[in-house]
Protein backbone atom coordinates (compact mmCIF):
# COMPACT_ATOMS: atom_id res chain seq x y z
CA MET A 1 23.00 -16.71 88.00
CA THR A 2 19.75 -18.22 86.82
CA SER A 3 19.14 -19.73 83.41
CA SER A 4 17.49 -16.42 82.41
CA SER A 5 20.76 -14.57 83.30
CA ALA A 6 19.34 -13.03 86.48
CA VAL A 7 21.92 -12.58 89.23
CA SER A 8 20.80 -13.44 92.74
CA PHE A 9 22.33 -12.45 96.06
CA ILE A 10 23.47 -15.47 98.13
CA TYR A 11 25.24 -14.20 101.26
CA SER A 12 26.82 -11.04 102.70
CA PHE A 13 30.02 -11.48 104.72
CA THR A 14 29.67 -9.13 107.66
CA GLY A 15 32.74 -10.17 109.65
CA GLY A 16 32.87 -11.55 113.17
CA LEU A 17 32.03 -15.19 113.69
CA MET A 18 30.67 -15.62 110.17
CA GLY A 19 33.92 -14.52 108.55
CA GLN A 20 34.99 -11.67 106.30
CA SER A 21 37.13 -11.19 103.22
CA PRO A 22 36.17 -14.39 101.38
CA TRP A 23 38.50 -15.64 98.68
CA PRO A 24 37.11 -15.87 95.16
CA GLY A 25 36.77 -19.25 93.57
CA TRP A 26 34.28 -21.09 95.71
CA CYS A 27 34.45 -24.82 95.07
CA LYS A 28 31.28 -26.56 93.94
CA SER A 29 31.49 -29.92 95.59
CA SER A 30 30.31 -33.31 94.44
CA ASP A 31 27.48 -32.93 97.00
CA GLY A 32 26.14 -29.87 95.11
CA ASN A 33 27.08 -27.33 97.79
CA PHE A 34 29.68 -24.56 97.56
CA TYR A 35 32.71 -24.47 99.86
CA GLY A 36 35.19 -21.68 100.42
CA THR A 37 37.41 -19.78 102.81
CA ALA A 38 37.27 -16.39 104.47
CA TYR A 39 40.66 -14.79 105.13
CA GLU A 40 39.59 -13.18 108.42
CA GLY A 41 36.90 -13.62 111.04
CA GLY A 42 35.72 -16.71 112.85
CA ALA A 43 35.86 -17.24 116.61
CA TYR A 44 39.63 -16.60 116.73
CA SER A 45 39.83 -13.97 113.94
CA TYR A 46 42.22 -16.18 111.90
CA GLY A 47 39.78 -17.11 109.15
CA SER A 48 37.30 -19.85 108.46
CA VAL A 49 36.05 -22.53 106.09
CA PHE A 50 32.39 -22.32 105.10
CA LYS A 51 29.66 -24.09 103.17
CA SER A 52 26.87 -22.42 101.24
CA LYS A 53 23.94 -24.38 99.89
CA PRO A 54 22.53 -23.25 96.53
CA ASN A 55 19.51 -21.80 98.41
CA GLY A 56 21.86 -19.50 100.37
CA LEU A 57 21.91 -21.39 103.69
CA PHE A 58 25.37 -20.56 105.04
CA THR A 59 27.32 -22.62 107.62
CA VAL A 60 30.77 -22.04 109.12
CA LEU A 61 32.49 -25.44 109.18
CA TYR A 62 35.89 -24.62 110.66
CA GLU A 63 37.58 -21.69 112.38
CA PHE A 64 41.36 -21.44 112.30
CA THR A 65 43.01 -21.04 115.72
CA GLY A 66 46.38 -19.72 114.55
CA ASP A 67 48.17 -22.70 116.10
CA ALA A 68 49.19 -25.90 114.27
CA ASP A 69 46.20 -25.54 111.93
CA GLY A 70 47.52 -22.27 110.52
CA ALA A 71 46.02 -18.83 110.15
CA TYR A 72 44.52 -16.75 107.37
CA PRO A 73 43.52 -19.15 104.59
CA TYR A 74 45.27 -17.90 101.48
CA ALA A 75 43.16 -19.17 98.59
CA GLY A 76 40.01 -21.08 97.89
CA LEU A 77 39.61 -24.82 98.25
CA VAL A 78 40.03 -27.70 95.85
CA GLN A 79 38.29 -31.03 96.23
CA GLY A 80 40.53 -34.04 95.75
CA ARG A 81 39.56 -37.33 94.18
CA ASP A 82 39.33 -38.69 97.72
CA GLY A 83 36.47 -36.25 98.45
CA ASN A 84 38.52 -34.17 100.90
CA PHE A 85 39.10 -30.44 100.50
CA TYR A 86 42.60 -29.00 100.44
CA GLY A 87 43.94 -25.49 100.80
CA THR A 88 46.70 -23.37 102.26
CA THR A 89 47.13 -20.82 105.02
CA LEU A 90 49.33 -17.73 104.95
CA GLU A 91 50.88 -18.18 108.38
CA VAL A 92 52.33 -21.07 110.37
CA ALA A 93 52.40 -23.82 107.72
CA PRO A 94 50.33 -25.05 104.80
CA ALA A 95 47.36 -26.86 106.22
CA VAL A 96 45.02 -29.53 105.02
CA MET A 97 41.72 -27.80 105.73
CA ALA A 98 39.42 -30.49 107.06
CA ARG A 99 38.17 -33.84 105.93
CA HIS A 100 35.04 -33.56 103.83
CA SER A 101 33.71 -36.68 105.48
CA ALA A 102 33.96 -34.97 108.88
CA TRP A 103 31.94 -31.93 107.81
CA PRO A 104 28.18 -32.00 108.25
CA ARG A 105 26.32 -32.34 104.95
CA THR A 106 23.25 -30.60 106.29
CA ALA A 107 22.96 -27.57 108.51
CA PRO A 108 22.52 -28.32 112.22
């Protein structure tokens, strides 16, 4: 939403590799970007972690495999004091999503 209360469209989740069924509560990170999870989609159909820049540039950062990393992220992310993001998955076991420092800060 702009300062004049205009709502702008950022991204449409269409499924497939880009993810679908995003969880509400995107996390605005200390780097100024927004991070979140999509319950389904990604290369393995087990969900994904994504980044959206304020200008709408969208990047998938991680795709759950359904193995030791879990499946179906079951909430948004929180950023810890250490700069890492944390979250949970519905299946397998709770998972630490991925280290913020390992994620690219700019789109490839």
